């Protein structure tokens, strides 16, 4: 059975790490990005079942990332 793949996009490295660790323990496959541009790059090259997106990101805010998606 394939793991559910989640992308966490948060500029707070500590918050992203805590969330990632909790989700990994729960059995999910989790990747992280720390700005909007990095997130879009990952989304162009990978398939995710869920994106957890912070609205206040450097370089490109979460709403702009969402619009582009």
Protein backbone atom coordinates (compact mmCIF):
# COMPACT_ATOMS: atom_id res chain seq x y z
CA UNK A 1 0.00 0.00 0.00
CA UNK A 2 1.36 3.40 -1.00
CA UNK A 3 1.83 6.03 1.71
CA UNK A 4 -0.13 9.25 1.48
CA UNK A 5 2.29 11.95 0.35
CA UNK A 6 2.14 15.37 2.03
CA UNK A 7 4.02 18.59 1.30
CA UNK A 8 4.36 21.04 4.20
CA UNK A 9 5.17 24.59 3.09
CA UNK A 10 6.22 26.76 6.04
CA UNK A 11 9.02 29.32 6.39
CA UNK A 12 9.35 28.45 10.09
CA UNK A 13 11.79 25.53 9.94
CA UNK A 14 11.00 24.44 13.49
CA UNK A 15 7.21 24.35 12.93
CA UNK A 16 7.64 22.43 9.67
CA UNK A 17 9.92 19.90 11.39
CA UNK A 18 7.50 19.33 14.28
CA UNK A 19 4.55 18.88 11.92
CA UNK A 20 6.59 16.59 9.67
CA UNK A 21 7.68 14.39 12.57
CA UNK A 22 4.10 14.00 13.81
CA UNK A 23 2.86 13.04 10.35
CA UNK A 24 5.72 10.61 9.71
CA UNK A 25 4.97 8.85 13.01
CA UNK A 26 1.34 8.61 11.87
CA UNK A 27 2.51 6.79 8.72
CA UNK A 28 2.60 9.52 6.08
CA UNK A 29 5.33 10.33 3.58
CA UNK A 30 6.22 13.99 4.19
CA UNK A 31 8.36 16.56 2.37
CA UNK A 32 8.94 20.18 3.33
CA UNK A 33 9.54 23.46 1.50
CA UNK A 34 10.34 26.79 3.14
CA UNK A 35 9.24 29.35 0.55
CA UNK A 36 6.76 29.62 -2.28
CA UNK A 37 9.27 29.17 -5.09
CA UNK A 38 10.69 26.01 -3.53
CA UNK A 39 7.16 24.65 -3.07
CA UNK A 40 6.25 25.23 -6.73
CA UNK A 41 9.44 23.51 -7.83
CA UNK A 42 8.61 20.49 -5.70
CA UNK A 43 5.01 20.47 -6.91
CA UNK A 44 6.14 20.52 -10.54
CA UNK A 45 8.41 17.51 -10.01
CA UNK A 46 6.45 15.38 -7.53
CA UNK A 47 2.93 14.14 -6.82
CA UNK A 48 1.44 15.05 -3.45
CA UNK A 49 -1.92 14.01 -2.04
CA UNK A 50 -2.09 17.00 0.31
CA UNK A 51 -0.34 20.37 0.60
CA UNK A 52 -0.27 22.17 3.97
CA UNK A 53 0.41 25.75 2.91
CA UNK A 54 1.38 28.69 5.14
CA UNK A 55 -0.02 31.99 3.84
CA UNK A 56 2.91 34.17 4.94
CA UNK A 57 5.91 32.91 2.99
CA UNK A 58 9.03 34.68 1.71
CA UNK A 59 9.56 35.26 -2.05
CA UNK A 60 5.97 34.30 -2.92
CA UNK A 61 3.10 34.13 -0.44
CA UNK A 62 0.86 31.14 0.00
CA UNK A 63 -2.07 32.72 -1.82
CA UNK A 64 0.06 33.26 -4.93
CA UNK A 65 1.27 29.65 -4.75
CA UNK A 66 -2.35 28.53 -4.50
CA UNK A 67 -3.35 30.69 -7.51
CA UNK A 68 -0.56 29.21 -9.61
CA UNK A 69 -1.58 25.67 -8.67
